[in-house]
Amino acid sequence: MTVTRINPRLIKGGLQALAVLVFLYFLNVTYQADFYNPVPLAAELTVGILWLILCYTISRTFGIVTILALSFTASVLWGVFLESVPTSDFLNFHKSAVRVSLGDFDQLFGGKSPTTIGYYAIFHWLPGSTNITNYIASSVAWTGGAALTYKTLRNFTDDERKVRFVCAGLALCPTFMVFSPVVSSESVFFLLSAVCAWLISRHLTERGPFPYLYIFLGIATAALFLTRVNGLLGLIVCIFVIGAGWRWSLANAKEGAFPSASRSFRHALALCTIVFVSFLLVWFVHGYLSQLSGQGFKVSASRGGALYLLFGTNIEERGRFNFADRDLVGYTGRMNADINRRALEIAIERIEKDPVGIISLALTDKVAHLWGREYGLYLWAIGDRERTGELNWPDSLSVSPSVRFSVLIESIADENQPLNLKVAPLAMFSLDGVYRMTLVLFLLMLAREVHRPSKLLALGLIVFLLSAPHLLVEVQPRYHMAMTPFIVVGSMLLAYDLWDRRREWYDSVLRQKERWLGNRAK
């Protein structure tokens, strides 16, 4: 039995419609974040362009091993000099990881992200439980994800310079660098996403090993889901790609397409079944061990989904964590069935009472908060948000570069401030330019792909789907980090393509000029 063919026009039309939605979503992001303020725009784009030039120069000067070594070293040194102290969820991850490293495995099932706890526990078990261990573990995750991205892209192209440029942007991304000292699920999520991408790339290029590849893919997607709930998207994407029977060859590289292979429906179904069963086995083992440890059978990595929905539907608090909602349902740090039920009932009541207001909140304030200025990540990274008030930190989202520079100079000159507060404005001063540049390039990439859907469009769709849950649930400035790797990869691919075709475009401009002058002469 052969695979049922789907009308290509229907697929193309659906991809174009989704691309338009993605484009409009991110266009709203830039508007909500006051991106069109002309004063900081010029400075931010300048910083972004300089960063692209730096990545291009490094990728042409050094090999991938050297680039990854530079990234890892810089991340560890940033953590050492930053002196980050785990707080909030980061502190819970740290404590649980230390206890697991000492043999208390029940901690794997009491936290929000068992894979994050297990990952950091391995490092605490090897060199010892110190903050430096956290810096090393986190840097390994970010650098390892970049390395696997390199391996993934190399399966699709022979242009090593192009892949090095993309991975240099990923490995040296300031967002990851600044956030690297934090004991976070974001770093593990990125690493596991890269693992899934590498495995699915081996499927697309028929590089095996089989059927172990699909068992590993099921395990990796399950680990991704147990890291953050929206990691379920990894399973959905992998099942879709395998079920569609897509394959890749260098002959298709110019078209940038994944044509369907002539394989039977039963073969595709068998491969999808292996992935899904492997996923279910890991998920069930986690739930069963959670039950044995006294935590109850846990469907996902976190039992606080209804609580996040409660926060996310609070219009007065703009969809963020707040103590009023926490006290309303009696949450004191441990979830139970009654708290979960009350939170869900109140959240549904709010949605039914004012659906227009909820949608308006989701598409304005929550979007702006989720994709807000990058220095918000730094405030999380230093582990003490109150002390940043000593810097007279500007509250406005559209702080001019001159104000940022003056705050930076005053901070460095103040001998009474510790090192972590001396370098605090660096994040405010430099990160935004790089981040906005990648977002602009990503928008351009999506705009181009609307007319010519290909593999790059998949990046936009993944980002959109990863963003979708945050339209209803609680948002934090760091939650966009799960989407950032896809944005960076898409942006760097587009930037390289634009640079690689500069001669072609220049000749086109000359031809247009000659044609225009010829018409004028007539």
Foldseek 3Di string as FASTA:
>chain_A
DWDDDDDPVVVLVVLLVVLVVLLVLLVLLCVLLVVPPPFVVVVLQVLQVVVLVVLLVCLVPDDLVVLLVVLLVLLLVLLVQLVADADDLLVLLLVLLLVVLVPPLLSLQQHLFSLLSVQLNVQCNPPHRDLSSQLNSLSCLQSLLLVLQLLLVVLADPPSSLSSSLSSCSSVQVLSSLLRSTSALLSVLSSLLSVLSSLLSCVQAVVDDPPVSLLVNLQSLLSNCSSPVLSVVSLVVSLVSLQQQWHHDNVCSVLQATDHDGDHNVVSVVSNVSSNVSNVVVLQVSQVVNVVSVNHRDNTSDPCPLVQLLLQLPLVNLSADDVVSCVVLVPDPDDDPSSSVVSNVNSVVSCVVCVVSLLVSLSHSLSNQQQYQSLLSNCNRNNHVVVLVVLVDDPRSCDRLVVLVVSLVVLCPDPPDRSSSNCSSVSVNNNRSNVVLLSVLLSVLSVVCSVRPHPLSVLSSSLVSQCVVSSRGHHHRCSSSSSVSSSSSSSSSSVVVCVVCVVVVVVVVVVVVVVVVVVVVD
